Amino acid sequence: EERKSSPMKQSDKIYKVFSRPKITMNDMLRVGEVKAYVEEN
């Protein structure tokens, strides 16, 4: 919504969402599982 990208209606793979225009790594790091993966590894 912040990035003015159409909302998701159901769960989807992170890769597909990340592929959208204007969506950055900083945006993805707000997703709990992504942030946890980065910290764990």
Full PDB file with SEQRES, HELIX, SHEET, SSBOND, CRYST1, ORIGX, SCALE, CONECT and MASTER records, all heavy atoms in Angstrom:
SEQRES   1 A   41  GLU GLU ARG LYS SER SER PRO MET LYS GLN SER ASP LYS          
SEQRES   2 A   41  ILE TYR LYS VAL PHE SER ARG PRO LYS ILE THR MET ASN          
SEQRES   3 A   41  ASP MET LEU ARG VAL GLY GLU VAL LYS ALA TYR VAL GLU          
SEQRES   4 A   41  GLU ASN                                                      
HELIX    1 AA1 ILE A   14  PHE A   18  1                                   5    
HELIX    2 AA2 MET A   25  MET A   28  1                                   4    
HELIX    3 AA3 GLY A   32  GLU A   40  1                                   9    
CRYST1    1.000    1.000    1.000  90.00  90.00  90.00 P 1           1          
ORIGX1      1.000000  0.000000  0.000000        0.00000                         
ORIGX2      0.000000  1.000000  0.000000        0.00000                         
ORIGX3      0.000000  0.000000  1.000000        0.00000                         
SCALE1      1.000000  0.000000  0.000000        0.00000                         
SCALE2      0.000000  1.000000  0.000000        0.00000                         
SCALE3      0.000000  0.000000  1.000000        0.00000                         
ATOM      1  N   GLU A   1       0.838  -1.199   0.000  1.00  0.00           N  
ATOM      2  CA  GLU A   1       0.000   0.000   0.000  1.00  0.00           C  
ATOM      3  C   GLU A   1       0.880   1.259   0.000  1.00  0.00           C  
ATOM      4  O   GLU A   1       0.625   2.219  -0.735  1.00  0.00           O  
ATOM      5  CB  GLU A   1      -0.906  -0.013   1.238  1.00  0.00           C  
ATOM      6  CG  GLU A   1      -1.945   1.092   1.236  1.00  0.00           C  
ATOM      7  CD  GLU A   1      -2.862   1.007   2.452  1.00  0.00           C  
ATOM      8  OE1 GLU A   1      -3.133  -0.121   2.924  1.00  0.00           O  
ATOM      9  OE2 GLU A   1      -3.269   2.071   2.940  1.00  0.00           O  
ATOM     10  N   GLU A   2       1.927   1.244   0.821  1.00  0.00           N  
ATOM     11  CA  GLU A   2       2.861   2.382   0.870  1.00  0.00           C  
ATOM     12  C   GLU A   2       3.507   2.626  -0.496  1.00  0.00           C  
ATOM     13  O   GLU A   2       3.755   3.757  -0.896  1.00  0.00           O  
ATOM     14  CB  GLU A   2       3.968   2.122   1.904  1.00  0.00           C  
ATOM     15  CG  GLU A   2       3.541   2.374   3.327  1.00  0.00           C  
ATOM     16  CD  GLU A   2       4.678   2.109   4.298  1.00  0.00           C  
ATOM     17  OE1 GLU A   2       5.859   2.312   3.899  1.00  0.00           O  
ATOM     18  OE2 GLU A   2       4.408   1.688   5.434  1.00  0.00           O  
ATOM     19  N   ARG A   3       3.810   1.530  -1.204  1.00  0.00           N  
ATOM     20  CA  ARG A   3       4.490   1.624  -2.493  1.00  0.00           C  
ATOM     21  C   ARG A   3       3.502   1.771  -3.660  1.00  0.00           C  
ATOM     22  O   ARG A   3       3.897   1.742  -4.827  1.00  0.00           O  
ATOM     23  CB  ARG A   3       5.342   0.366  -2.736  1.00  0.00           C  
ATOM     24  CG  ARG A   3       6.484   0.215  -1.768  1.00  0.00           C  
ATOM     25  CD  ARG A   3       7.481   1.330  -1.910  1.00  0.00           C  
ATOM     26  NE  ARG A   3       8.602   1.216  -0.983  1.00  0.00           N  
ATOM     27  CZ  ARG A   3       9.474   2.165  -0.758  1.00  0.00           C  
ATOM     28  NH1 ARG A   3       9.319   3.334  -1.361  1.00  0.00           N  
ATOM     29  NH2 ARG A   3      10.462   1.997   0.081  1.00  0.00           N  
ATOM     30  N   LYS A   4       2.197   1.903  -3.316  1.00  0.00           N  
ATOM     31  CA  LYS A   4       1.141   2.062  -4.329  1.00  0.00           C  
ATOM     32  C   LYS A   4       1.147   0.903  -5.326  1.00  0.00           C  
ATOM     33  O   LYS A   4       1.009   1.079  -6.531  1.00  0.00           O  
ATOM     34  CB  LYS A   4       1.291   3.399  -5.058  1.00  0.00           C  
ATOM     35  CG  LYS A   4       1.103   4.589  -4.111  1.00  0.00           C  
ATOM     36  CD  LYS A   4       1.196   5.910  -4.810  1.00  0.00           C  
ATOM     37  CE  LYS A   4       0.973   7.043  -3.810  1.00  0.00           C  
ATOM     38  NZ  LYS A   4       1.165   8.370  -4.375  1.00  0.00           N  
ATOM     39  N   SER A   5       1.335  -0.302  -4.748  1.00  0.00           N  
ATOM     40  CA  SER A   5       1.288  -1.529  -5.547  1.00  0.00           C  
ATOM     41  C   SER A   5       0.028  -2.286  -5.139  1.00  0.00           C  
ATOM     42  O   SER A   5      -0.386  -2.245  -3.977  1.00  0.00           O  
ATOM     43  CB  SER A   5       2.532  -2.380  -5.264  1.00  0.00           C  
ATOM     44  OG  SER A   5       2.583  -3.508  -6.099  1.00  0.00           O  
ATOM     45  N   SER A   6      -0.621  -2.954  -6.074  1.00  0.00           N  
ATOM     46  CA  SER A   6      -1.909  -3.607  -5.791  1.00  0.00           C  
ATOM     47  C   SER A   6      -1.763  -4.642  -4.669  1.00  0.00           C  
ATOM     48  O   SER A   6      -0.769  -5.364  -4.607  1.00  0.00           O  
ATOM     49  CB  SER A   6      -2.463  -4.279  -7.048  1.00  0.00           C  
ATOM     50  OG  SER A   6      -1.518  -5.170  -7.589  1.00  0.00           O  
ATOM     51  N   PRO A   7      -2.753  -4.709  -3.771  1.00  0.00           N  
ATOM     52  CA  PRO A   7      -2.644  -5.611  -2.615  1.00  0.00           C  
ATOM     53  C   PRO A   7      -2.752  -7.085  -3.015  1.00  0.00           C  
ATOM     54  O   PRO A   7      -3.291  -7.427  -4.067  1.00  0.00           O  
ATOM     55  CB  PRO A   7      -3.837  -5.196  -1.747  1.00  0.00           C  
ATOM     56  CG  PRO A   7      -4.806  -4.594  -2.709  1.00  0.00           C  
ATOM     57  CD  PRO A   7      -3.989  -3.928  -3.768  1.00  0.00           C  
ATOM     58  N   MET A   8      -2.207  -7.939  -2.151  1.00  0.00           N  
ATOM     59  CA  MET A   8      -2.309  -9.390  -2.358  1.00  0.00           C  
ATOM     60  C   MET A   8      -3.669  -9.866  -1.848  1.00  0.00           C  
ATOM     61  O   MET A   8      -4.186  -9.342  -0.861  1.00  0.00           O  
ATOM     62  CB  MET A   8      -1.201 -10.106  -1.577  1.00  0.00           C  
ATOM     63  CG  MET A   8       0.203  -9.781  -2.037  1.00  0.00           C  
ATOM     64  SD  MET A   8       1.448 -10.451  -0.881  1.00  0.00           S  
ATOM     65  CE  MET A   8       1.089 -12.212  -0.947  1.00  0.00           C  
ATOM     66  N   LYS A   9      -4.240 -10.871  -2.531  1.00  0.00           N  
ATOM     67  CA  LYS A   9      -5.522 -11.431  -2.108  1.00  0.00           C  
ATOM     68  C   LYS A   9      -5.348 -12.771  -1.419  1.00  0.00           C  
ATOM     69  O   LYS A   9      -6.227 -13.236  -0.705  1.00  0.00           O  
ATOM     70  CB  LYS A   9      -6.444 -11.563  -3.311  1.00  0.00           C  
ATOM     71  CG  LYS A   9      -6.836 -10.201  -3.895  1.00  0.00           C  
ATOM     72  CD  LYS A   9      -7.731 -10.339  -5.093  1.00  0.00           C  
ATOM     73  CE  LYS A   9      -8.093  -8.953  -5.655  1.00  0.00           C  
ATOM     74  NZ  LYS A   9      -8.876  -9.041  -6.906  1.00  0.00           N  
ATOM     75  N   GLN A  10      -4.176 -13.391  -1.640  1.00  0.00           N  
ATOM     76  CA  GLN A  10      -3.882 -14.679  -1.004  1.00  0.00           C  
ATOM     77  C   GLN A  10      -2.368 -14.821  -0.866  1.00  0.00           C  
ATOM     78  O   GLN A  10      -1.626 -14.050  -1.451  1.00  0.00           O  
ATOM     79  CB  GLN A  10      -4.441 -15.840  -1.834  1.00  0.00           C  
ATOM     80  CG  GLN A  10      -3.895 -15.869  -3.257  1.00  0.00           C  
ATOM     81  CD  GLN A  10      -4.603 -16.914  -4.108  1.00  0.00           C  
ATOM     82  OE1 GLN A  10      -5.808 -17.105  -3.980  1.00  0.00           O  
ATOM     83  NE2 GLN A  10      -3.848 -17.581  -4.957  1.00  0.00           N  
ATOM     84  N   SER A  11      -1.965 -15.777  -0.086  1.00  0.00           N  
ATOM     85  CA  SER A  11      -0.534 -16.010   0.114  1.00  0.00           C  
ATOM     86  C   SER A  11       0.155 -16.278  -1.226  1.00  0.00           C  
ATOM     87  O   SER A  11      -0.438 -16.888  -2.124  1.00  0.00           O  
ATOM     88  CB  SER A  11      -0.298 -17.203   1.049  1.00  0.00           C  
ATOM     89  OG  SER A  11      -0.702 -16.889   2.352  1.00  0.00           O  
ATOM     90  N   ASP A  12       1.399 -15.834  -1.330  1.00  0.00           N  
ATOM     91  CA  ASP A  12       2.161 -16.052  -2.563  1.00  0.00           C  
ATOM     92  C   ASP A  12       3.645 -16.133  -2.218  1.00  0.00           C  
ATOM     93  O   ASP A  12       4.077 -15.732  -1.134  1.00  0.00           O  
ATOM     94  CB  ASP A  12       1.918 -14.905  -3.549  1.00  0.00           C  
ATOM     95  CG  ASP A  12       2.031 -15.369  -5.000  1.00  0.00           C  
ATOM     96  OD1 ASP A  12       2.656 -16.422  -5.229  1.00  0.00           O  
ATOM     97  OD2 ASP A  12       1.506 -14.664  -5.886  1.00  0.00           O  
ATOM     98  N   LYS A  13       4.430 -16.654  -3.143  1.00  0.00           N  
ATOM     99  CA  LYS A  13       5.864 -16.772  -2.922  1.00  0.00           C  
ATOM    100  C   LYS A  13       6.489 -15.377  -2.813  1.00  0.00           C  
ATOM    101  O   LYS A  13       6.139 -14.453  -3.557  1.00  0.00           O  
ATOM    102  CB  LYS A  13       6.534 -17.541  -4.053  1.00  0.00           C  
ATOM    103  CG  LYS A  13       6.030 -18.967  -4.239  1.00  0.00           C  
ATOM    104  CD  LYS A  13       6.351 -19.835  -3.017  1.00  0.00           C  
ATOM    105  CE  LYS A  13       5.904 -21.282  -3.243  1.00  0.00           C  
ATOM    106  NZ  LYS A  13       6.003 -22.087  -2.008  1.00  0.00           N  
ATOM    107  N   ILE A  14       7.436 -15.233  -1.896  1.00  0.00           N  
ATOM    108  CA  ILE A  14       8.110 -13.952  -1.695  1.00  0.00           C  
ATOM    109  C   ILE A  14       8.772 -13.494  -2.988  1.00  0.00           C  
ATOM    110  O   ILE A  14       8.767 -12.301  -3.315  1.00  0.00           O  
ATOM    111  CB  ILE A  14       9.152 -14.055  -0.559  1.00  0.00           C  
ATOM    112  CG1 ILE A  14       8.453 -14.351   0.768  1.00  0.00           C  
ATOM    113  CG2 ILE A  14       9.985 -12.782  -0.460  1.00  0.00           C  
ATOM    114  CD1 ILE A  14       9.400 -14.566   1.937  1.00  0.00           C  
ATOM    115  N   TYR A  15       9.333 -14.445  -3.756  1.00  0.00           N  
ATOM    116  CA  TYR A  15      10.048 -14.113  -5.004  1.00  0.00           C  
ATOM    117  C   TYR A  15       9.134 -13.327  -5.953  1.00  0.00           C  
ATOM    118  O   TYR A  15       9.540 -12.324  -6.544  1.00  0.00           O  
ATOM    119  CB  TYR A  15      10.519 -15.402  -5.682  1.00  0.00           C  
ATOM    120  CG  TYR A  15      11.406 -15.184  -6.895  1.00  0.00           C  
ATOM    121  CD1 TYR A  15      12.784 -15.180  -6.781  1.00  0.00           C  
ATOM    122  CD2 TYR A  15      10.850 -14.996  -8.158  1.00  0.00           C  
ATOM    123  CE1 TYR A  15      13.604 -14.990  -7.885  1.00  0.00           C  
ATOM    124  CE2 TYR A  15      11.654 -14.788  -9.281  1.00  0.00           C  
ATOM    125  CZ  TYR A  15      13.026 -14.792  -9.133  1.00  0.00           C  
ATOM    126  OH  TYR A  15      13.827 -14.595 -10.233  1.00  0.00           O  
ATOM    127  N   LYS A  16       7.886 -13.777  -6.056  1.00  0.00           N  
ATOM    128  CA  LYS A  16       6.939 -13.153  -6.978  1.00  0.00           C  
ATOM    129  C   LYS A  16       6.599 -11.730  -6.535  1.00  0.00           C  
ATOM    130  O   LYS A  16       6.527 -10.806  -7.350  1.00  0.00           O  
ATOM    131  CB  LYS A  16       5.672 -13.999  -7.078  1.00  0.00           C  
ATOM    132  CG  LYS A  16       4.713 -13.540  -8.165  1.00  0.00           C  
ATOM    133  CD  LYS A  16       3.548 -14.508  -8.304  1.00  0.00           C  
ATOM    134  CE  LYS A  16       2.547 -14.018  -9.339  1.00  0.00           C  
ATOM    135  NZ  LYS A  16       1.371 -14.938  -9.416  1.00  0.00           N  
ATOM    136  N   VAL A  17       6.422 -11.553  -5.227  1.00  0.00           N  
ATOM    137  CA  VAL A  17       6.097 -10.225  -4.699  1.00  0.00           C  
ATOM    138  C   VAL A  17       7.307  -9.295  -4.841  1.00  0.00           C  
ATOM    139  O   VAL A  17       7.186  -8.139  -5.235  1.00  0.00           O  
ATOM    140  CB  VAL A  17       5.670 -10.309  -3.218  1.00  0.00           C  
ATOM    141  CG1 VAL A  17       5.271  -8.923  -2.701  1.00  0.00           C  
ATOM    142  CG2 VAL A  17       4.520 -11.285  -3.046  1.00  0.00           C  
ATOM    143  N   PHE A  18       8.476  -9.826  -4.546  1.00  0.00           N  
ATOM    144  CA  PHE A  18       9.718  -9.053  -4.617  1.00  0.00           C  
ATOM    145  C   PHE A  18      10.000  -8.601  -6.058  1.00  0.00           C  
ATOM    146  O   PHE A  18      10.620  -7.557  -6.291  1.00  0.00           O  
ATOM    147  CB  PHE A  18      10.868  -9.913  -4.087  1.00  0.00           C  
ATOM    148  CG  PHE A  18      12.137  -9.153  -3.772  1.00  0.00           C  
ATOM    149  CD1 PHE A  18      12.185  -7.765  -3.748  1.00  0.00           C  
ATOM    150  CD2 PHE A  18      13.302  -9.849  -3.473  1.00  0.00           C  
ATOM    151  CE1 PHE A  18      13.352  -7.083  -3.447  1.00  0.00           C  
ATOM    152  CE2 PHE A  18      14.479  -9.176  -3.179  1.00  0.00           C  
ATOM    153  CZ  PHE A  18      14.508  -7.784  -3.168  1.00  0.00           C  
ATOM    154  N   SER A  19       9.528  -9.368  -7.032  1.00  0.00           N  
ATOM    155  CA  SER A  19       9.767  -9.040  -8.443  1.00  0.00           C  
ATOM    156  C   SER A  19       8.988  -7.816  -8.905  1.00  0.00           C  
ATOM    157  O   SER A  19       9.264  -7.270  -9.973  1.00  0.00           O  
ATOM    158  CB  SER A  19       9.377 -10.233  -9.330  1.00  0.00           C  
ATOM    159  OG  SER A  19      10.138 -11.371  -9.007  1.00  0.00           O  
ATOM    160  N   ARG A  20       8.033  -7.363  -8.117  1.00  0.00           N  
ATOM    161  CA  ARG A  20       7.221  -6.216  -8.524  1.00  0.00           C  
ATOM    162  C   ARG A  20       8.061  -4.939  -8.603  1.00  0.00           C  
ATOM    163  O   ARG A  20       9.006  -4.758  -7.820  1.00  0.00           O  
ATOM    164  CB  ARG A  20       6.088  -5.991  -7.525  1.00  0.00           C  
ATOM    165  CG  ARG A  20       5.016  -7.057  -7.512  1.00  0.00           C  
ATOM    166  CD  ARG A  20       3.871  -6.560  -6.655  1.00  0.00           C  
ATOM    167  NE  ARG A  20       2.836  -7.565  -6.438  1.00  0.00           N  
ATOM    168  CZ  ARG A  20       1.646  -7.297  -5.912  1.00  0.00           C  
ATOM    169  NH1 ARG A  20       1.366  -6.044  -5.544  1.00  0.00           N  
ATOM    170  NH2 ARG A  20       0.746  -8.250  -5.743  1.00  0.00           N  
ATOM    171  N   PRO A  21       7.694  -4.031  -9.497  1.00  0.00           N  
ATOM    172  CA  PRO A  21       8.383  -2.729  -9.551  1.00  0.00           C  
ATOM    173  C   PRO A  21       8.234  -1.977  -8.230  1.00  0.00           C  
ATOM    174  O   PRO A  21       7.221  -2.130  -7.531  1.00  0.00           O  
ATOM    175  CB  PRO A  21       7.662  -1.979 -10.679  1.00  0.00           C  
ATOM    176  CG  PRO A  21       6.985  -3.043 -11.483  1.00  0.00           C  
ATOM    177  CD  PRO A  21       6.652  -4.156 -10.535  1.00  0.00           C  
ATOM    178  N   LYS A  22       9.232  -1.187  -7.890  1.00  0.00           N  
ATOM    179  CA  LYS A  22       9.249  -0.299  -6.711  1.00  0.00           C  
ATOM    180  C   LYS A  22       9.420  -1.033  -5.379  1.00  0.00           C  
ATOM    181  O   LYS A  22       9.585  -0.401  -4.343  1.00  0.00           O  
ATOM    182  CB  LYS A  22       7.980   0.568  -6.641  1.00  0.00           C  
ATOM    183  CG  LYS A  22       7.809   1.493  -7.834  1.00  0.00           C  
ATOM    184  CD  LYS A  22       6.540   2.313  -7.672  1.00  0.00           C  
ATOM    185  CE  LYS A  22       6.316   3.221  -8.895  1.00  0.00           C  
ATOM    186  NZ  LYS A  22       5.069   3.975  -8.779  1.00  0.00           N  
ATOM    187  N   ILE A  23       9.364  -2.368  -5.374  1.00  0.00           N  
ATOM    188  CA  ILE A  23       9.556  -3.111  -4.131  1.00  0.00           C  
ATOM    189  C   ILE A  23      11.052  -3.380  -3.958  1.00  0.00           C  
ATOM    190  O   ILE A  23      11.686  -3.965  -4.836  1.00  0.00           O  
ATOM    191  CB  ILE A  23       8.771  -4.434  -4.130  1.00  0.00           C  
ATOM    192  CG1 ILE A  23       7.290  -4.182  -4.417  1.00  0.00           C  
ATOM    193  CG2 ILE A  23       8.961  -5.158  -2.801  1.00  0.00           C  
ATOM    194  CD1 ILE A  23       6.605  -3.269  -3.440  1.00  0.00           C  
ATOM    195  N   THR A  24      11.614  -2.937  -2.832  1.00  0.00           N  
ATOM    196  CA  THR A  24      13.059  -3.016  -2.612  1.00  0.00           C  
ATOM    197  C   THR A  24      13.403  -4.035  -1.522  1.00  0.00           C  
ATOM    198  O   THR A  24      12.520  -4.538  -0.812  1.00  0.00           O  
ATOM    199  CB  THR A  24      13.612  -1.651  -2.197  1.00  0.00           C  
ATOM    200  OG1 THR A  24      13.086  -1.334  -0.898  1.00  0.00           O  
ATOM    201  CG2 THR A  24      13.218  -0.561  -3.197  1.00  0.00           C  
ATOM    202  N   MET A  25      14.703  -4.289  -1.372  1.00  0.00           N  
ATOM    203  CA  MET A  25      15.155  -5.185  -0.312  1.00  0.00           C  
ATOM    204  C   MET A  25      14.784  -4.620   1.061  1.00  0.00           C  
ATOM    205  O   MET A  25      14.401  -5.376   1.959  1.00  0.00           O  
ATOM    206  CB  MET A  25      16.670  -5.398  -0.404  1.00  0.00           C  
ATOM    207  CG  MET A  25      17.238  -6.309   0.670  1.00  0.00           C  
ATOM    208  SD  MET A  25      16.608  -8.026   0.575  1.00  0.00           S  
ATOM    209  CE  MET A  25      17.605  -8.666  -0.768  1.00  0.00           C  
ATOM    210  N   ASN A  26      14.868  -3.311   1.211  1.00  0.00           N  
ATOM    211  CA  ASN A  26      14.482  -2.708   2.494  1.00  0.00           C  
ATOM    212  C   ASN A  26      13.016  -2.987   2.815  1.00  0.00           C  
ATOM    213  O   ASN A  26      12.645  -3.185   3.974  1.00  0.00           O  
ATOM    214  CB  ASN A  26      14.735  -1.200   2.470  1.00  0.00           C  
ATOM    215  CG  ASN A  26      16.212  -0.876   2.588  1.00  0.00           C  
ATOM    216  OD1 ASN A  26      16.973  -1.673   3.122  1.00  0.00           O  
ATOM    217  ND2 ASN A  26      16.610   0.284   2.097  1.00  0.00           N  
ATOM    218  N   ASP A  27      12.169  -3.014   1.771  1.00  0.00           N  
ATOM    219  CA  ASP A  27      10.751  -3.359   1.983  1.00  0.00           C  
ATOM    220  C   ASP A  27      10.627  -4.806   2.441  1.00  0.00           C  
ATOM    221  O   ASP A  27       9.868  -5.121   3.359  1.00  0.00           O  
ATOM    222  CB  ASP A  27       9.958  -3.165   0.686  1.00  0.00           C  
ATOM    223  CG  ASP A  27       9.877  -1.711   0.255  1.00  0.00           C  
ATOM    224  OD1 ASP A  27       9.824  -0.834   1.137  1.00  0.00           O  
ATOM    225  OD2 ASP A  27       9.882  -1.456  -0.967  1.00  0.00           O  
ATOM    226  N   MET A  28      11.385  -5.685   1.796  1.00  0.00           N  
ATOM    227  CA  MET A  28      11.293  -7.111   2.120  1.00  0.00           C  
ATOM    228  C   MET A  28      11.810  -7.409   3.526  1.00  0.00           C  
ATOM    229  O   MET A  28      11.359  -8.355   4.178  1.00  0.00           O  
ATOM    230  CB  MET A  28      12.067  -7.946   1.098  1.00  0.00           C  
ATOM    231  CG  MET A  28      11.587  -7.804  -0.348  1.00  0.00           C  
ATOM    232  SD  MET A  28       9.775  -7.899  -0.549  1.00  0.00           S  
ATOM    233  CE  MET A  28       9.415  -9.530   0.070  1.00  0.00           C  
ATOM    234  N   LEU A  29      12.751  -6.583   3.993  1.00  0.00           N  
ATOM    235  CA  LEU A  29      13.291  -6.814   5.342  1.00  0.00           C  
ATOM    236  C   LEU A  29      12.262  -6.499   6.433  1.00  0.00           C  
ATOM    237  O   LEU A  29      12.485  -6.795   7.609  1.00  0.00           O  
ATOM    238  CB  LEU A  29      14.553  -5.962   5.548  1.00  0.00           C  
ATOM    239  CG  LEU A  29      15.796  -6.431   4.767  1.00  0.00           C  
ATOM    240  CD1 LEU A  29      16.933  -5.429   4.910  1.00  0.00           C  
ATOM    241  CD2 LEU A  29      16.240  -7.819   5.232  1.00  0.00           C  
ATOM    242  N   ARG A  30      11.139  -5.905   6.059  1.00  0.00           N  
ATOM    243  CA  ARG A  30      10.052  -5.682   7.019  1.00  0.00           C  
ATOM    244  C   ARG A  30       9.200  -6.934   7.193  1.00  0.00           C  
ATOM    245  O   ARG A  30       8.346  -6.999   8.091  1.00  0.00           O  
ATOM    246  CB  ARG A  30       9.195  -4.505   6.554  1.00  0.00           C  
ATOM    247  CG  ARG A  30       9.948  -3.173   6.647  1.00  0.00           C  
ATOM    248  CD  ARG A  30       9.264  -2.060   5.880  1.00  0.00           C  
ATOM    249  NE  ARG A  30       7.926  -1.756   6.379  1.00  0.00           N  
ATOM    250  CZ  ARG A  30       7.126  -0.845   5.839  1.00  0.00           C  
ATOM    251  NH1 ARG A  30       7.549  -0.150   4.774  1.00  0.00           N  
ATOM    252  NH2 ARG A  30       5.926  -0.622   6.335  1.00  0.00           N  
ATOM    253  N   VAL A  31       9.417  -7.928   6.321  1.00  0.00           N  
ATOM    254  CA  VAL A  31       8.723  -9.218   6.450  1.00  0.00           C  
ATOM    255  C   VAL A  31       9.484 -10.057   7.466  1.00  0.00           C  
ATOM    256  O   VAL A  31      10.707 -10.238   7.354  1.00  0.00           O  
ATOM    257  CB  VAL A  31       8.669  -9.941   5.084  1.00  0.00           C  
ATOM    258  CG1 VAL A  31       8.067 -11.334   5.248  1.00  0.00           C  
ATOM    259  CG2 VAL A  31       7.888  -9.106   4.079  1.00  0.00           C  
ATOM    260  N   GLY A  32       8.790 -10.532   8.476  1.00  0.00           N  
ATOM    261  CA  GLY A  32       9.421 -11.242   9.586  1.00  0.00           C  
ATOM    262  C   GLY A  32      10.365 -12.356   9.169  1.00  0.00           C  
ATOM    263  O   GLY A  32      11.501 -12.445   9.658  1.00  0.00           O  
ATOM    264  N   GLU A  33       9.902 -13.235   8.255  1.00  0.00           N  
ATOM    265  CA  GLU A  33      10.723 -14.385   7.875  1.00  0.00           C  
ATOM    266  C   GLU A  33      11.986 -13.970   7.122  1.00  0.00           C  
ATOM    267  O   GLU A  33      13.031 -14.590   7.272  1.00  0.00           O  
ATOM    268  CB  GLU A  33       9.887 -15.340   7.009  1.00  0.00           C  
ATOM    269  CG  GLU A  33       8.877 -16.136   7.807  1.00  0.00           C  
ATOM    270  CD  GLU A  33       8.122 -17.129   6.935  1.00  0.00           C  
ATOM    271  OE1 GLU A  33       7.168 -16.683   6.273  1.00  0.00           O  
ATOM    272  OE2 GLU A  33       8.500 -18.306   6.907  1.00  0.00           O  
ATOM    273  N   VAL A  34      11.867 -12.902   6.301  1.00  0.00           N  
ATOM    274  CA  VAL A  34      13.035 -12.429   5.558  1.00  0.00           C  
ATOM    275  C   VAL A  34      14.068 -11.851   6.521  1.00  0.00           C  
ATOM    276  O   VAL A  34      15.266 -12.161   6.451  1.00  0.00           O  
ATOM    277  CB  VAL A  34      12.635 -11.360   4.509  1.00  0.00           C  
ATOM    278  CG1 VAL A  34      13.874 -10.811   3.810  1.00  0.00           C  
ATOM    279  CG2 VAL A  34      11.666 -11.952   3.489  1.00  0.00           C  
ATOM    280  N   LYS A  35      13.596 -11.019   7.446  1.00  0.00           N  
ATOM    281  CA  LYS A  35      14.496 -10.415   8.427  1.00  0.00           C  
ATOM    282  C   LYS A  35      15.183 -11.494   9.261  1.00  0.00           C  
ATOM    283  O   LYS A  35      16.399 -11.424   9.525  1.00  0.00           O  
ATOM    284  CB  LYS A  35      13.702  -9.470   9.329  1.00  0.00           C  
ATOM    285  CG  LYS A  35      14.583  -8.686  10.296  1.00  0.00           C  
ATOM    286  CD  LYS A  35      13.748  -7.733  11.144  1.00  0.00           C  
ATOM    287  CE  LYS A  35      14.657  -6.964  12.107  1.00  0.00           C  
ATOM    288  NZ  LYS A  35      13.867  -6.066  12.987  1.00  0.00           N  
ATOM    289  N   ALA A  36      14.417 -12.515   9.662  1.00  0.00           N  
ATOM    290  CA  ALA A  36      14.979 -13.601  10.469  1.00  0.00           C  
ATOM    291  C   ALA A  36      16.042 -14.368   9.675  1.00  0.00           C  
ATOM    292  O   ALA A  36      17.093 -14.728  10.218  1.00  0.00           O  
ATOM    293  CB  ALA A  36      13.862 -14.551  10.916  1.00  0.00           C  
ATOM    294  N   TYR A  37      15.765 -14.612   8.385  1.00  0.00           N  
ATOM    295  CA  TYR A  37      16.725 -15.352   7.550  1.00  0.00           C  
ATOM    296  C   TYR A  37      18.041 -14.587   7.441  1.00  0.00           C  
ATOM    297  O   TYR A  37      19.134 -15.163   7.559  1.00  0.00           O  
ATOM    298  CB  TYR A  37      16.145 -15.584   6.144  1.00  0.00           C  
ATOM    299  CG  TYR A  37      17.034 -16.412   5.241  1.00  0.00           C  
ATOM    300  CD1 TYR A  37      16.880 -17.789   5.155  1.00  0.00           C  
ATOM    301  CD2 TYR A  37      18.048 -15.813   4.491  1.00  0.00           C  
ATOM    302  CE1 TYR A  37      17.708 -18.551   4.334  1.00  0.00           C  
ATOM    303  CE2 TYR A  37      18.883 -16.551   3.675  1.00  0.00           C  
ATOM    304  CZ  TYR A  37      18.708 -17.928   3.605  1.00  0.00           C  
ATOM    305  OH  TYR A  37      19.541 -18.689   2.803  1.00  0.00           O  
ATOM    306  N   VAL A  38      17.940 -13.285   7.218  1.00  0.00           N  
ATOM    307  CA  VAL A  38      19.145 -12.442   7.082  1.00  0.00           C  
ATOM    308  C   VAL A  38      19.965 -12.477   8.362  1.00  0.00           C  
ATOM    309  O   VAL A  38      21.199 -12.626   8.322  1.00  0.00           O  
ATOM    310  CB  VAL A  38      18.754 -10.988   6.717  1.00  0.00           C  
ATOM    311  CG1 VAL A  38      19.947 -10.048   6.843  1.00  0.00           C  
ATOM    312  CG2 VAL A  38      18.196 -10.929   5.299  1.00  0.00           C  
ATOM    313  N   GLU A  39      19.285 -12.363   9.508  1.00  0.00           N  
ATOM    314  CA  GLU A  39      19.996 -12.351  10.791  1.00  0.00           C  
ATOM    315  C   GLU A  39      20.598 -13.710  11.116  1.00  0.00           C  
ATOM    316  O   GLU A  39      21.748 -13.801  11.565  1.00  0.00           O  
ATOM    317  CB  GLU A  39      19.043 -11.903  11.904  1.00  0.00           C  
ATOM    318  CG  GLU A  39      18.665 -10.422  11.791  1.00  0.00           C  
ATOM    319  CD  GLU A  39      17.595 -10.008  12.781  1.00  0.00           C  
ATOM    320  OE1 GLU A  39      17.050 -10.902  13.469  1.00  0.00           O  
ATOM    321  OE2 GLU A  39      17.285  -8.794  12.865  1.00  0.00           O  
ATOM    322  N   GLU A  40      19.847 -14.784  10.875  1.00  0.00           N  
ATOM    323  CA  GLU A  40      20.341 -16.133  11.175  1.00  0.00           C  
ATOM    324  C   GLU A  40      21.554 -16.500  10.329  1.00  0.00           C  
ATOM    325  O   GLU A  40      22.471 -17.185  10.794  1.00  0.00           O  
ATOM    326  CB  GLU A  40      19.225 -17.172  10.925  1.00  0.00           C  
ATOM    327  CG  GLU A  40      18.146 -17.185  11.995  1.00  0.00           C  
ATOM    328  CD  GLU A  40      16.927 -17.989  11.558  1.00  0.00           C  
ATOM    329  OE1 GLU A  40      17.053 -18.781  10.588  1.00  0.00           O  
ATOM    330  OE2 GLU A  40      15.860 -17.816  12.167  1.00  0.00           O  
ATOM    331  N   ASN A  41      21.555 -16.038   9.069  1.00  0.00           N  
ATOM    332  CA  ASN A  41      22.651 -16.398   8.157  1.00  0.00           C  
ATOM    333  C   ASN A  41      23.725 -15.316   8.063  1.00  0.00           C  
ATOM    334  O   ASN A  41      24.657 -15.443   7.265  1.00  0.00           O  
ATOM    335  CB  ASN A  41      22.083 -16.697   6.772  1.00  0.00           C  
ATOM    336  CG  ASN A  41      21.265 -17.965   6.746  1.00  0.00           C  
ATOM    337  OD1 ASN A  41      21.792 -19.065   6.650  1.00  0.00           O  
ATOM    338  ND2 ASN A  41      19.945 -17.811   6.870  1.00  0.00           N  
TER     339      ASN A  41                                                      
MASTER        0    0    0    3    0    0    0    6  338    1    0    4          
END                                                                             
